[in-house]
N, C-alpha and C. Protein backbone atom coordinates (compact mmCIF):
# COMPACT_ATOMS: atom_id res chain seq x y z
N MET A 1 -26.01 6.86 21.56
CA MET A 1 -25.36 7.01 20.00
C MET A 1 -25.19 5.74 19.59
N SER A 2 -25.27 5.32 18.43
CA SER A 2 -25.14 4.34 17.83
C SER A 2 -23.26 4.20 16.95
N ILE A 3 -22.81 3.34 16.96
CA ILE A 3 -21.08 3.33 16.28
C ILE A 3 -21.13 3.81 15.28
N LYS A 4 -22.14 3.66 14.60
CA LYS A 4 -22.30 4.47 13.00
C LYS A 4 -22.15 5.57 12.95
N GLY A 5 -23.38 6.24 14.21
CA GLY A 5 -23.67 7.40 14.69
C GLY A 5 -22.06 8.12 14.87
N LYS A 6 -21.78 7.68 16.08
CA LYS A 6 -20.41 8.16 16.44
C LYS A 6 -19.86 8.43 15.28
N LEU A 7 -19.05 7.23 14.47
CA LEU A 7 -18.09 7.63 13.43
C LEU A 7 -18.80 8.71 12.42
N LYS A 8 -20.22 8.83 12.12
CA LYS A 8 -20.46 9.78 11.47
C LYS A 8 -20.05 11.19 12.30
N ARG A 9 -20.25 11.45 13.81
CA ARG A 9 -19.92 12.58 14.23
C ARG A 9 -18.47 12.69 14.62
N LEU A 10 -17.38 11.99 14.51
CA LEU A 10 -16.48 11.87 14.54
C LEU A 10 -15.76 12.73 13.17
N GLU A 11 -15.98 12.03 11.63
CA GLU A 11 -15.91 12.62 10.85
C GLU A 11 -16.41 14.16 10.56
N TYR A 12 -17.18 14.20 11.29
CA TYR A 12 -17.70 15.85 10.91
C TYR A 12 -16.72 16.79 11.78
N LYS A 13 -16.43 16.20 12.84
CA LYS A 13 -15.22 16.95 13.73
C LYS A 13 -13.83 16.71 12.54
N LEU A 14 -13.71 15.90 12.25
CA LEU A 14 -11.95 16.12 11.90
C LEU A 14 -12.15 15.97 10.26
N ALA A 15 -13.09 16.00 9.29
CA ALA A 15 -13.21 16.30 8.20
C ALA A 15 -12.49 17.42 7.62
N PRO A 16 -12.59 18.57 8.61
CA PRO A 16 -11.68 19.76 7.66
C PRO A 16 -10.12 19.98 8.00
N TYR A 17 -10.00 19.01 9.03
CA TYR A 17 -8.58 18.79 9.42
C TYR A 17 -7.67 18.34 8.25
N ALA A 18 -8.24 17.71 7.67
CA ALA A 18 -8.32 15.98 6.70
C ALA A 18 -6.92 16.73 5.66
N VAL A 19 -5.73 16.21 5.82
CA VAL A 19 -4.58 16.76 4.64
C VAL A 19 -5.13 16.61 3.16
N LYS A 20 -5.27 17.43 2.60
CA LYS A 20 -5.79 17.51 0.78
C LYS A 20 -4.68 17.26 -0.14
N ASN A 21 -4.61 16.77 -1.00
CA ASN A 21 -3.74 16.22 -2.11
C ASN A 21 -2.38 15.60 -1.17
N LEU A 22 -2.63 14.30 -0.23
CA LEU A 22 -2.33 13.92 0.58
C LEU A 22 -0.85 13.04 -0.44
N MET A 23 -1.42 12.62 -1.47
CA MET A 23 -0.23 11.44 -1.93
C MET A 23 0.56 12.59 -2.85
N THR A 24 0.46 13.65 -3.41
CA THR A 24 1.17 14.93 -3.90
C THR A 24 2.60 15.01 -2.90
N ILE A 25 1.88 15.13 -1.51
CA ILE A 25 2.87 15.49 -0.49
C ILE A 25 3.73 14.55 -0.25
N MET A 26 3.12 13.05 -0.35
CA MET A 26 4.19 11.99 -0.10
C MET A 26 4.85 11.93 -0.92
N ILE A 27 4.58 12.06 -2.53
CA ILE A 27 5.46 11.73 -3.48
C ILE A 27 6.84 12.74 -3.61
N GLY A 28 6.22 13.68 -3.39
CA GLY A 28 7.03 14.91 -3.14
C GLY A 28 8.30 14.48 -2.26
N ALA A 29 7.94 13.99 -1.02
CA ALA A 29 8.74 13.72 0.16
C ALA A 29 9.74 12.65 -0.30
N MET A 30 9.35 11.83 -0.96
CA MET A 30 10.21 10.70 -1.24
C MET A 30 11.26 10.97 -2.49
N ALA A 31 10.77 11.76 -3.99
CA ALA A 31 11.64 12.32 -4.02
C ALA A 31 12.84 13.05 -3.50
N ILE A 32 12.67 13.74 -3.08
CA ILE A 32 13.73 14.47 -1.91
C ILE A 32 14.66 13.55 -1.36
N VAL A 33 14.18 12.64 -0.75
CA VAL A 33 14.68 11.86 0.32
C VAL A 33 15.71 10.80 -1.37
N PHE A 34 15.28 10.57 -1.70
CA PHE A 34 16.05 9.97 -3.15
C PHE A 34 17.06 10.73 -3.83
N VAL A 35 16.52 12.23 -3.89
CA VAL A 35 17.84 12.85 -4.33
C VAL A 35 19.00 13.30 -3.30
N ALA A 36 18.29 13.60 -2.18
CA ALA A 36 19.42 13.51 -1.06
C ALA A 36 20.05 12.15 -0.76
N ASN A 37 19.37 11.05 -0.91
CA ASN A 37 20.37 10.03 -0.98
C ASN A 37 21.35 9.98 -1.37
N PHE A 38 21.29 10.33 -3.29
CA PHE A 38 22.23 10.29 -4.59
C PHE A 38 23.21 11.07 -3.97
N ALA A 39 22.73 12.42 -3.34
CA ALA A 39 23.82 13.12 -3.11
C ALA A 39 24.91 12.89 -2.10
N VAL A 40 24.51 11.98 -0.83
CA VAL A 40 25.08 11.78 -0.18
C VAL A 40 25.80 10.44 -0.82
N SER A 41 25.34 9.93 -1.40
CA SER A 41 26.22 8.84 -1.57
C SER A 41 27.62 9.28 -2.64
N MET A 42 27.07 10.76 -3.48
CA MET A 42 28.09 11.33 -4.44
C MET A 42 29.27 11.98 -3.78
N SER A 43 28.87 11.81 -2.40
CA SER A 43 30.10 12.72 -1.76
C SER A 43 31.44 11.99 -1.10
N GLY A 44 31.40 10.70 -1.37
CA GLY A 44 32.36 9.46 -1.69
C GLY A 44 32.65 9.34 -0.42
N ARG A 45 31.45 9.52 0.46
CA ARG A 45 31.59 8.97 1.97
C ARG A 45 31.22 7.46 1.80
N ASP A 46 31.15 7.04 2.99
CA ASP A 46 30.27 5.35 2.84
C ASP A 46 29.26 5.24 3.84
N LEU A 47 28.23 5.99 3.33
CA LEU A 47 26.97 6.64 4.20
C LEU A 47 25.33 6.23 3.26
N SER A 48 24.88 6.07 3.75
CA SER A 48 23.11 5.96 3.22
C SER A 48 22.12 6.48 3.74
N LEU A 49 22.09 7.41 3.54
CA LEU A 49 20.33 8.17 4.14
C LEU A 49 19.43 7.15 4.46
N TYR A 50 19.23 6.21 3.38
CA TYR A 50 18.01 5.20 3.57
C TYR A 50 18.33 4.29 4.63
N GLY A 51 19.55 3.98 5.21
CA GLY A 51 19.93 3.15 6.59
C GLY A 51 19.63 4.00 7.55
N TRP A 52 19.50 5.38 7.62
CA TRP A 52 19.09 6.16 8.57
C TRP A 52 17.54 6.41 8.76
N LEU A 53 17.08 6.08 7.78
CA LEU A 53 15.54 6.56 7.80
C LEU A 53 14.43 5.20 7.92
N MET A 54 15.22 4.26 7.48
CA MET A 54 14.38 2.55 7.72
C MET A 54 14.15 2.28 8.93
N PHE A 55 12.97 1.10 8.89
CA PHE A 55 12.66 1.04 10.31
C PHE A 55 13.30 0.12 10.86
N ASP A 56 13.69 0.09 12.12
CA ASP A 56 14.51 -0.68 12.71
C ASP A 56 14.35 -0.79 14.22
N ARG A 57 13.61 -1.81 14.71
CA ARG A 57 12.64 -2.20 15.90
C ARG A 57 13.82 -2.12 16.91
N ASP A 58 14.97 -2.40 16.72
CA ASP A 58 15.76 -2.15 17.75
C ASP A 58 16.63 -1.01 18.04
N ALA A 59 17.08 -0.48 16.85
CA ALA A 59 17.09 1.21 16.64
C ALA A 59 16.39 2.16 17.62
N VAL A 60 14.77 1.85 17.36
CA VAL A 60 13.64 2.43 17.62
C VAL A 60 13.95 2.69 19.44
N PHE A 61 14.05 1.66 19.59
CA PHE A 61 13.93 1.17 21.25
C PHE A 61 15.53 1.66 21.63
N ALA A 62 16.69 2.04 21.02
CA ALA A 62 17.86 2.39 21.49
C ALA A 62 17.25 4.37 21.48
N GLY A 63 16.24 4.74 21.13
CA GLY A 63 15.87 6.27 20.83
C GLY A 63 15.81 6.61 19.67
N GLN A 64 16.32 5.87 18.54
CA GLN A 64 16.34 6.40 17.61
C GLN A 64 14.62 6.28 16.47
N VAL A 65 13.61 7.05 17.51
CA VAL A 65 12.44 7.32 17.49
C VAL A 65 11.92 7.88 15.89
N TRP A 66 12.59 8.66 15.36
CA TRP A 66 12.36 8.98 13.81
C TRP A 66 11.89 7.87 13.30
N ARG A 67 12.69 6.86 13.19
CA ARG A 67 12.19 5.62 12.25
C ARG A 67 10.82 5.23 12.45
N LEU A 68 10.13 5.50 13.04
CA LEU A 68 9.03 5.07 13.45
C LEU A 68 7.86 5.85 12.47
N PHE A 69 8.33 6.71 11.93
CA PHE A 69 7.96 7.96 10.69
C PHE A 69 8.50 7.65 9.26
N THR A 70 9.90 7.84 9.39
CA THR A 70 10.69 8.15 8.31
C THR A 70 10.37 7.28 7.11
N PHE A 71 10.19 5.87 7.91
CA PHE A 71 10.58 4.96 6.70
C PHE A 71 9.22 5.19 5.66
N ILE A 72 8.26 5.65 5.74
CA ILE A 72 7.14 5.85 4.78
C ILE A 72 7.78 6.69 3.83
N PHE A 73 8.66 7.44 3.92
CA PHE A 73 8.81 8.19 3.03
C PHE A 73 10.39 7.60 1.44
N LEU A 74 10.66 6.28 2.33
CA LEU A 74 11.72 5.82 1.24
C LEU A 74 11.12 5.48 -0.10
N PRO A 75 11.65 6.08 -0.65
CA PRO A 75 11.06 5.52 -2.48
C PRO A 75 11.54 4.19 -2.57
N PRO A 76 10.67 3.43 -3.46
CA PRO A 76 10.27 1.72 -3.65
C PRO A 76 12.20 1.49 -4.23
N GLU A 77 12.67 2.18 -5.21
CA GLU A 77 13.70 1.25 -5.51
C GLU A 77 15.37 2.53 -5.87
N THR A 78 16.15 1.94 -6.56
CA THR A 78 16.97 2.94 -6.35
C THR A 78 17.71 3.55 -7.83
N ASN A 79 16.64 2.61 -8.78
CA ASN A 79 16.86 2.85 -10.12
C ASN A 79 16.30 4.00 -10.65
N LEU A 80 16.77 5.21 -11.03
CA LEU A 80 16.40 6.55 -10.95
C LEU A 80 14.89 6.00 -11.99
N ILE A 81 15.22 4.99 -13.37
CA ILE A 81 13.90 5.19 -14.12
C ILE A 81 12.89 4.89 -13.28
N PHE A 82 12.99 3.49 -12.88
CA PHE A 82 11.95 2.88 -12.08
C PHE A 82 11.12 3.67 -10.85
N VAL A 83 12.03 4.78 -10.31
CA VAL A 83 11.64 5.43 -9.27
C VAL A 83 10.91 6.33 -9.90
N ILE A 84 11.07 7.09 -11.15
CA ILE A 84 10.02 7.91 -11.80
C ILE A 84 8.95 7.15 -12.11
N PHE A 85 8.50 6.03 -12.75
CA PHE A 85 7.90 5.27 -13.07
C PHE A 85 6.83 4.88 -11.89
N ALA A 86 7.72 4.21 -10.64
CA ALA A 86 6.64 3.99 -9.50
C ALA A 86 6.05 5.08 -9.07
N LEU A 87 6.79 6.30 -8.81
CA LEU A 87 6.14 7.47 -8.55
C LEU A 87 5.25 8.17 -9.19
N TYR A 88 5.21 8.17 -10.29
CA TYR A 88 4.14 8.48 -10.97
C TYR A 88 2.82 8.30 -11.23
N LEU A 89 3.16 6.54 -10.70
CA LEU A 89 2.01 5.56 -10.62
C LEU A 89 0.95 5.64 -9.16
N TYR A 90 2.15 5.88 -8.16
CA TYR A 90 1.31 5.88 -7.00
C TYR A 90 0.56 7.28 -6.93
N TRP A 91 1.37 8.24 -7.33
CA TRP A 91 0.38 9.43 -7.62
C TRP A 91 -0.68 9.52 -8.32
N ILE A 92 -0.73 8.73 -9.15
CA ILE A 92 -2.26 8.51 -10.09
C ILE A 92 -2.97 7.79 -9.52
N MET A 93 -2.79 6.72 -8.66
CA MET A 93 -3.76 5.89 -7.99
C MET A 93 -3.76 6.59 -6.41
N GLY A 94 -2.91 7.28 -5.79
CA GLY A 94 -3.43 8.26 -4.89
C GLY A 94 -4.51 9.28 -4.92
N SER A 95 -4.34 9.81 -6.09
CA SER A 95 -4.84 11.33 -6.54
C SER A 95 -6.30 10.51 -6.86
N ALA A 96 -6.32 9.44 -7.51
CA ALA A 96 -7.70 8.78 -7.97
C ALA A 96 -8.42 8.45 -6.76
N LEU A 97 -7.68 7.83 -5.70
CA LEU A 97 -8.65 7.29 -4.56
C LEU A 97 -8.82 8.60 -3.63
N GLU A 98 -8.32 9.84 -3.73
CA GLU A 98 -8.50 10.98 -2.54
C GLU A 98 -9.81 11.61 -3.66
N HIS A 99 -9.99 11.70 -4.74
CA HIS A 99 -10.71 12.09 -5.89
C HIS A 99 -12.40 11.04 -5.67
N GLU A 100 -12.26 9.59 -5.38
CA GLU A 100 -13.16 8.86 -5.49
C GLU A 100 -14.00 9.02 -3.55
N TRP A 101 -13.13 9.15 -3.00
CA TRP A 101 -13.32 8.85 -1.68
C TRP A 101 -13.21 10.54 -0.69
N GLY A 102 -12.45 11.44 -1.42
CA GLY A 102 -12.41 12.75 -0.39
C GLY A 102 -11.11 12.50 0.40
N ALA A 103 -11.11 13.72 1.07
CA ALA A 103 -9.49 13.86 1.35
C ALA A 103 -9.77 12.96 2.95
N TYR A 104 -10.80 13.10 3.43
CA TYR A 104 -10.60 12.53 4.66
C TYR A 104 -10.89 10.55 4.69
N HIS A 105 -11.42 10.20 3.65
CA HIS A 105 -11.37 8.72 3.95
C HIS A 105 -10.71 8.42 3.44
N PHE A 106 -9.31 9.42 2.14
CA PHE A 106 -8.15 8.82 1.79
C PHE A 106 -7.06 8.43 3.11
N ASN A 107 -7.31 9.97 3.81
CA ASN A 107 -6.46 10.18 4.90
C ASN A 107 -6.27 9.21 5.81
N LEU A 108 -7.59 8.32 6.21
CA LEU A 108 -7.69 7.49 7.26
C LEU A 108 -7.30 6.08 6.09
N PHE A 109 -7.32 5.89 5.51
CA PHE A 109 -7.42 4.59 4.72
C PHE A 109 -5.96 4.73 4.53
N TYR A 110 -5.01 5.72 4.41
CA TYR A 110 -3.30 5.53 4.44
C TYR A 110 -2.76 5.25 5.62
N LEU A 111 -3.60 6.20 6.55
CA LEU A 111 -3.14 6.34 8.33
C LEU A 111 -3.46 5.06 8.82
N PHE A 112 -4.32 4.18 8.24
CA PHE A 112 -4.56 2.46 8.45
C PHE A 112 -3.28 1.90 8.18
N GLY A 113 -2.87 2.03 6.79
CA GLY A 113 -2.01 1.11 6.23
C GLY A 113 -0.69 1.17 7.14
N ILE A 114 -0.16 2.76 7.26
CA ILE A 114 0.57 3.30 8.02
C ILE A 114 0.90 2.32 9.71
N ILE A 115 -0.40 2.54 10.23
CA ILE A 115 -0.12 2.05 11.74
C ILE A 115 -0.47 0.66 11.58
N GLY A 116 -0.97 0.21 10.60
CA GLY A 116 -0.76 -1.73 10.46
C GLY A 116 0.64 -2.11 10.27
N ALA A 117 1.56 -1.20 9.11
CA ALA A 117 2.91 -1.82 8.87
C ALA A 117 4.08 -1.15 10.18
N LEU A 118 3.51 -0.50 11.04
CA LEU A 118 3.94 -0.27 12.51
C LEU A 118 4.31 -1.34 13.21
N ILE A 119 2.55 -1.70 13.50
CA ILE A 119 2.24 -3.02 14.30
C ILE A 119 3.17 -3.96 13.79
N ALA A 120 3.46 -4.22 12.80
CA ALA A 120 3.53 -5.18 11.86
C ALA A 120 5.47 -5.31 12.57
N GLY A 121 5.89 -4.38 12.41
CA GLY A 121 7.59 -3.73 12.76
C GLY A 121 7.57 -3.94 13.75
N LEU A 122 6.95 -3.82 14.64
CA LEU A 122 6.89 -3.98 16.04
C LEU A 122 7.16 -5.78 16.45
N ILE A 123 5.96 -6.28 15.98
CA ILE A 123 5.98 -7.51 15.58
C ILE A 123 6.90 -8.39 15.51
N THR A 124 7.70 -7.84 13.94
CA THR A 124 8.38 -8.78 13.79
C THR A 124 10.25 -8.11 13.46
N GLY A 125 10.21 -6.92 14.39
CA GLY A 125 11.17 -6.21 13.90
C GLY A 125 12.00 -5.66 13.18
N TYR A 126 11.12 -5.73 11.76
CA TYR A 126 11.40 -4.75 10.19
C TYR A 126 9.95 -4.53 9.66
N ALA A 127 9.65 -2.75 9.25
CA ALA A 127 8.12 -2.71 8.55
C ALA A 127 9.12 -1.81 7.60
N THR A 128 8.70 -2.40 6.30
CA THR A 128 8.68 -1.30 5.09
C THR A 128 7.55 -0.81 4.53
N ASN A 129 7.29 -0.04 3.86
CA ASN A 129 6.44 1.06 3.33
C ASN A 129 5.67 -0.17 2.02
N SER A 130 6.51 -0.97 1.52
CA SER A 130 6.33 -1.96 0.18
C SER A 130 4.86 -2.15 0.17
N TYR A 131 4.35 -2.90 1.66
CA TYR A 131 2.62 -2.93 1.81
C TYR A 131 2.00 -2.15 1.49
N LEU A 132 2.40 -0.71 2.13
CA LEU A 132 1.60 0.57 2.59
C LEU A 132 1.16 0.88 0.79
N ASN A 133 2.30 0.73 0.07
CA ASN A 133 2.02 1.07 -1.45
C ASN A 133 1.52 0.09 -2.17
N MET A 134 1.56 -1.41 -1.69
CA MET A 134 0.49 -2.19 -2.38
C MET A 134 -0.73 -2.34 -2.32
N SER A 135 -1.03 -1.48 -1.53
CA SER A 135 -2.60 -0.92 -0.91
C SER A 135 -3.09 -0.15 -1.46
N LEU A 136 -1.73 0.73 -2.10
CA LEU A 136 -2.92 1.45 -3.09
C LEU A 136 -3.44 1.20 -4.37
N PHE A 137 -2.04 0.14 -5.05
CA PHE A 137 -2.30 -0.21 -6.19
C PHE A 137 -3.63 -1.53 -5.55
N LEU A 138 -4.10 -1.99 -4.94
CA LEU A 138 -5.04 -3.12 -5.00
C LEU A 138 -6.33 -2.16 -4.66
N ALA A 139 -6.14 -0.87 -4.02
CA ALA A 139 -7.85 -0.47 -3.77
C ALA A 139 -8.11 0.45 -5.02
N PHE A 140 -7.02 0.81 -5.49
CA PHE A 140 -7.18 1.01 -7.24
C PHE A 140 -7.89 0.31 -7.78
N ALA A 141 -7.18 -0.68 -8.05
CA ALA A 141 -7.88 -1.93 -8.89
C ALA A 141 -8.94 -2.05 -8.56
N LEU A 142 -9.50 -2.15 -7.29
CA LEU A 142 -10.96 -2.40 -6.87
C LEU A 142 -11.79 -1.63 -8.16
N TYR A 143 -11.42 -0.36 -7.62
CA TYR A 143 -12.07 1.13 -8.33
C TYR A 143 -12.07 1.25 -9.76
N TYR A 144 -11.00 0.54 -10.31
CA TYR A 144 -10.58 1.01 -11.99
C TYR A 144 -10.26 -0.55 -12.10
N PRO A 145 -10.50 -1.44 -12.60
CA PRO A 145 -10.28 -2.91 -12.75
C PRO A 145 -9.84 -2.87 -14.40
N ASN A 146 -10.19 -1.93 -14.79
CA ASN A 146 -9.93 -2.13 -16.48
C ASN A 146 -8.87 -1.08 -17.02
N PHE A 147 -8.18 -0.28 -15.96
CA PHE A 147 -7.22 0.61 -16.06
C PHE A 147 -6.14 0.26 -16.67
N GLN A 148 -5.68 0.81 -17.74
CA GLN A 148 -4.77 -0.38 -19.08
C GLN A 148 -3.27 0.28 -18.63
N LEU A 149 -2.21 -0.25 -18.36
CA LEU A 149 -1.11 -0.14 -17.92
C LEU A 149 -0.34 -0.60 -19.05
N TYR A 150 1.13 0.37 -19.67
CA TYR A 150 1.78 -0.60 -20.06
C TYR A 150 3.31 -0.97 -19.41
N LEU A 151 3.06 -2.41 -19.60
CA LEU A 151 3.99 -3.67 -19.08
C LEU A 151 5.24 -3.49 -20.01
N PHE A 152 6.36 -3.21 -19.24
CA PHE A 152 7.65 -2.63 -20.01
C PHE A 152 7.50 -2.05 -21.17
N PHE A 153 6.97 -0.31 -20.55
CA PHE A 153 6.63 0.52 -21.48
C PHE A 153 6.17 0.21 -23.12
N PHE A 154 5.38 -1.16 -23.37
CA PHE A 154 4.64 -1.29 -24.92
C PHE A 154 3.92 -2.41 -24.89
N ILE A 155 3.72 -3.41 -23.61
CA ILE A 155 2.74 -4.39 -23.44
C ILE A 155 1.51 -3.83 -22.46
N PRO A 156 0.47 -3.59 -23.29
CA PRO A 156 -0.86 -3.23 -22.66
C PRO A 156 -1.48 -4.43 -21.64
N ILE A 157 -1.43 -4.19 -20.58
CA ILE A 157 -2.67 -4.79 -19.73
C ILE A 157 -3.11 -3.95 -18.67
N LYS A 158 -4.36 -5.04 -18.03
CA LYS A 158 -5.38 -4.27 -17.31
C LYS A 158 -4.89 -4.52 -16.10
N ILE A 159 -4.97 -3.28 -15.50
CA ILE A 159 -4.79 -3.43 -13.89
C ILE A 159 -4.81 -4.62 -13.14
N LYS A 160 -6.34 -5.10 -13.32
CA LYS A 160 -6.70 -6.05 -12.56
C LYS A 160 -6.28 -7.28 -12.41
N TRP A 161 -5.60 -7.49 -13.54
CA TRP A 161 -4.77 -8.82 -13.94
C TRP A 161 -3.38 -8.83 -13.30
N LEU A 162 -3.07 -7.30 -12.95
CA LEU A 162 -1.50 -7.27 -12.24
C LEU A 162 -1.95 -7.33 -11.02
N ALA A 163 -3.31 -6.47 -10.39
CA ALA A 163 -3.55 -6.67 -8.86
C ALA A 163 -4.08 -8.84 -8.36
N TRP A 164 -4.12 -9.36 -9.36
CA TRP A 164 -4.72 -10.96 -9.34
C TRP A 164 -3.30 -11.20 -8.77
N LEU A 165 -2.44 -11.18 -9.84
CA LEU A 165 -1.06 -11.53 -9.56
C LEU A 165 -0.39 -11.02 -8.62
N ASP A 166 -0.48 -9.73 -7.81
CA ASP A 166 -0.27 -9.66 -6.62
C ASP A 166 -0.34 -10.39 -5.61
N PHE A 167 -1.99 -10.85 -5.52
CA PHE A 167 -2.96 -11.45 -4.77
C PHE A 167 -2.53 -13.21 -4.67
N VAL A 168 -1.79 -13.92 -5.57
CA VAL A 168 -1.65 -14.79 -5.47
C VAL A 168 -0.13 -15.01 -4.65
N PHE A 169 0.67 -13.56 -5.04
CA PHE A 169 2.31 -14.33 -5.03
C PHE A 169 2.08 -13.79 -3.28
N LEU A 170 1.23 -12.74 -2.59
CA LEU A 170 0.59 -12.82 -1.20
C LEU A 170 0.23 -13.89 -0.67
N ALA A 171 -0.59 -14.80 -1.50
CA ALA A 171 -0.93 -16.26 -0.94
C ALA A 171 0.15 -16.83 -0.76
N ILE A 172 0.51 -17.05 -1.63
CA ILE A 172 2.15 -17.91 -1.59
C ILE A 172 3.26 -17.47 -0.49
N ALA A 173 3.05 -16.53 -0.53
CA ALA A 173 4.17 -15.59 0.64
C ALA A 173 3.67 -15.95 2.53
N PHE A 174 1.74 -15.95 2.01
CA PHE A 174 1.59 -16.23 3.48
C PHE A 174 1.58 -17.66 3.86
N VAL A 175 1.44 -18.58 3.03
CA VAL A 175 1.50 -19.93 3.22
C VAL A 175 3.08 -20.58 3.31
N LEU A 176 3.94 -20.04 2.92
CA LEU A 176 4.90 -20.50 2.88
C LEU A 176 6.00 -19.66 4.34
N ASP A 177 5.55 -18.36 4.14
CA ASP A 177 6.62 -17.85 5.26
C ASP A 177 6.07 -18.25 6.71
N GLY A 178 6.50 -17.64 7.69
CA GLY A 178 6.51 -18.05 9.35
C GLY A 178 5.36 -17.14 10.11
N TRP A 179 4.99 -17.45 11.15
CA TRP A 179 3.92 -16.45 11.50
C TRP A 179 4.35 -14.53 11.95
N GLY A 180 5.64 -14.68 11.75
CA GLY A 180 6.00 -13.23 11.64
C GLY A 180 5.67 -12.82 10.11
N GLY A 181 6.02 -13.60 9.00
CA GLY A 181 6.00 -12.97 8.01
C GLY A 181 4.34 -13.03 7.20
N ARG A 182 3.59 -14.04 8.13
CA ARG A 182 2.00 -13.88 8.22
C ARG A 182 1.48 -12.66 8.38
N LEU A 183 2.14 -12.57 9.79
CA LEU A 183 1.00 -11.36 10.63
C LEU A 183 1.68 -9.83 9.97
N ALA A 184 2.90 -9.91 9.39
CA ALA A 184 3.25 -8.66 8.70
C ALA A 184 2.65 -9.03 7.48
N ILE A 185 2.00 -9.51 6.54
CA ILE A 185 1.16 -9.24 5.66
C ILE A 185 0.02 -8.70 5.95
N ILE A 186 -0.65 -9.16 7.03
CA ILE A 186 -2.13 -9.14 7.50
C ILE A 186 -2.14 -7.86 8.54
N PHE A 187 -1.24 -7.60 9.26
CA PHE A 187 -1.39 -5.84 9.39
C PHE A 187 -0.67 -4.77 8.63
N SER A 188 -0.20 -5.40 7.80
CA SER A 188 0.13 -4.11 6.61
C SER A 188 -1.00 -4.00 5.72
N LEU A 189 -1.54 -4.70 5.20
CA LEU A 189 -2.93 -4.71 4.63
C LEU A 189 -4.04 -4.73 5.39
N ILE A 190 -4.19 -3.95 6.96
CA ILE A 190 -5.08 -3.73 7.01
C ILE A 190 -6.21 -3.06 6.73
N ASN A 191 -5.61 -1.56 6.05
CA ASN A 191 -6.54 -0.76 5.29
C ASN A 191 -7.19 -1.49 4.38
N VAL A 192 -7.18 -2.53 3.49
CA VAL A 192 -7.22 -2.90 2.03
C VAL A 192 -8.07 -3.56 2.99
N ILE A 193 -8.16 -4.47 3.79
CA ILE A 193 -9.00 -5.30 4.50
C ILE A 193 -10.12 -4.94 5.38
N LEU A 194 -10.01 -3.47 5.78
CA LEU A 194 -11.29 -2.61 6.45
C LEU A 194 -12.33 -2.10 5.43
N PHE A 195 -11.50 -1.68 4.36
CA PHE A 195 -12.34 -0.88 3.52
C PHE A 195 -13.04 -1.80 2.53
N PHE A 196 -12.62 -2.75 1.84
CA PHE A 196 -12.80 -3.57 1.06
C PHE A 196 -12.92 -4.73 1.66
N TRP A 197 -13.56 -5.63 2.61
CA TRP A 197 -13.44 -6.91 3.42
C TRP A 197 -15.01 -7.51 2.05
N ARG A 198 -15.85 -6.74 2.21
CA ARG A 198 -17.25 -6.98 1.86
C ARG A 198 -16.98 -7.11 -0.19
N ASP A 199 -16.32 -6.20 -0.22
CA ASP A 199 -16.18 -6.10 -2.14
C ASP A 199 -15.07 -7.75 -2.17
N MET A 200 -13.86 -7.95 -1.49
CA MET A 200 -13.48 -9.21 -1.88
C MET A 200 -14.40 -10.38 -1.62
N VAL A 201 -15.19 -10.09 -0.66
CA VAL A 201 -15.97 -11.44 -0.19
C VAL A 201 -16.71 -11.73 -1.56
N ALA A 202 -17.12 -10.47 -1.85
CA ALA A 202 -18.52 -10.84 -3.21
C ALA A 202 -17.69 -11.34 -4.48
N GLU A 203 -16.27 -11.24 -4.40
CA GLU A 203 -15.80 -11.18 -5.63
C GLU A 203 -15.26 -12.42 -5.74
N CYS A 204 -14.80 -13.09 -4.09
CA CYS A 204 -14.30 -14.44 -4.35
C CYS A 204 -15.56 -15.29 -4.65
N LYS A 205 -17.09 -15.00 -4.24
CA LYS A 205 -18.36 -15.69 -4.34
C LYS A 205 -18.31 -15.37 -5.74
N ARG A 206 -18.10 -14.23 -6.50
CA ARG A 206 -18.79 -14.46 -7.79
C ARG A 206 -17.75 -15.38 -8.53
N ILE A 207 -16.45 -15.36 -8.13
CA ILE A 207 -15.48 -16.01 -8.56
C ILE A 207 -15.71 -17.94 -8.48
N GLY A 208 -16.01 -18.19 -7.47
CA GLY A 208 -16.19 -19.33 -7.07
C GLY A 208 -17.59 -19.65 -7.92
N MET A 209 -18.51 -18.97 -8.06
CA MET A 209 -19.67 -19.57 -8.78
C MET A 209 -19.70 -19.79 -10.14
N ASN A 210 -18.49 -18.92 -10.64
CA ASN A 210 -17.99 -19.38 -12.27
C ASN A 210 -17.60 -20.15 -12.15
N ILE A 211 -16.24 -20.70 -11.25
CA ILE A 211 -16.34 -22.03 -11.35
C ILE A 211 -17.04 -23.37 -11.65
N LYS A 212 -18.02 -23.02 -10.65
CA LYS A 212 -18.55 -24.12 -10.46
C LYS A 212 -19.90 -24.33 -12.08
N TYR A 213 -19.94 -23.41 -12.27
CA TYR A 213 -21.00 -23.03 -13.07
C TYR A 213 -20.12 -23.50 -14.59
N ARG A 214 -18.77 -23.59 -14.53
CA ARG A 214 -18.12 -23.85 -15.87
C ARG A 214 -17.22 -25.28 -15.73
N TRP A 215 -17.47 -25.79 -14.22
CA TRP A 215 -17.09 -27.18 -13.86
C TRP A 215 -17.94 -28.00 -14.02
N ASP A 216 -19.70 -27.81 -13.46
CA ASP A 216 -21.41 -28.32 -14.00
C ASP A 216 -21.27 -28.75 -15.62
N ARG A 217 -20.81 -27.26 -16.35
CA ARG A 217 -21.16 -27.45 -17.54
C ARG A 217 -20.65 -28.72 -18.44
N TRP A 218 -18.89 -28.47 -18.01
CA TRP A 218 -18.18 -29.68 -18.38
C TRP A 218 -18.11 -30.87 -18.02
N ARG A 219 -19.25 -31.11 -16.86
CA ARG A 219 -19.54 -32.07 -17.01
C ARG A 219 -20.66 -32.99 -17.96
N ARG A 220 -21.78 -32.29 -17.98
CA ARG A 220 -22.54 -32.04 -18.76
C ARG A 220 -22.31 -32.49 -20.17
N MET A 221 -21.40 -32.09 -20.73
CA MET A 221 -20.71 -32.37 -21.84
C MET A 221 -20.73 -33.81 -22.07
């Protein structure tokens, strides 16, 4: 049996067990963590729930194995307004991708992102779900490039331009960072690479041809 046939067979066996509305579950968990951390901080004790949930390689090897999983439930920021906006945006993107792919393929995409983040963490000592959340953003932008957001709540901007901006920042970080940081970027976005490498190559070729066309046109003027 070919590899493609084996993958189809595996999909047939596992698809019924795929978690539906996965992003709703993840967003709910992040909201609970945010509220719980706020309650802990308001208790007057010098404690941080985030500190107990974040990934820490040394702590994992010391026996705190829950950190291998709990870091994915950390909300993006501590500011209430930003958290509400970010979680709502993640829910829109994740739900749209699940609707586009189906629950099984979206589960795989998210699982590969988690595995990549873990590999990066075990190599570098630190892992975050920031790149995992960014992978949702990049995948959504590839499917819905003309989806419009309102920057600072009043400046309309298409999501494809924000995706390109993120790509530029990632490229700069990849060039300037050490090999530990580079591996973290690669492994943390492995799901995007696996699912969209053909689309990304085609888009880069299209941009290159467009630049060449404009350059040739400018030379002929």
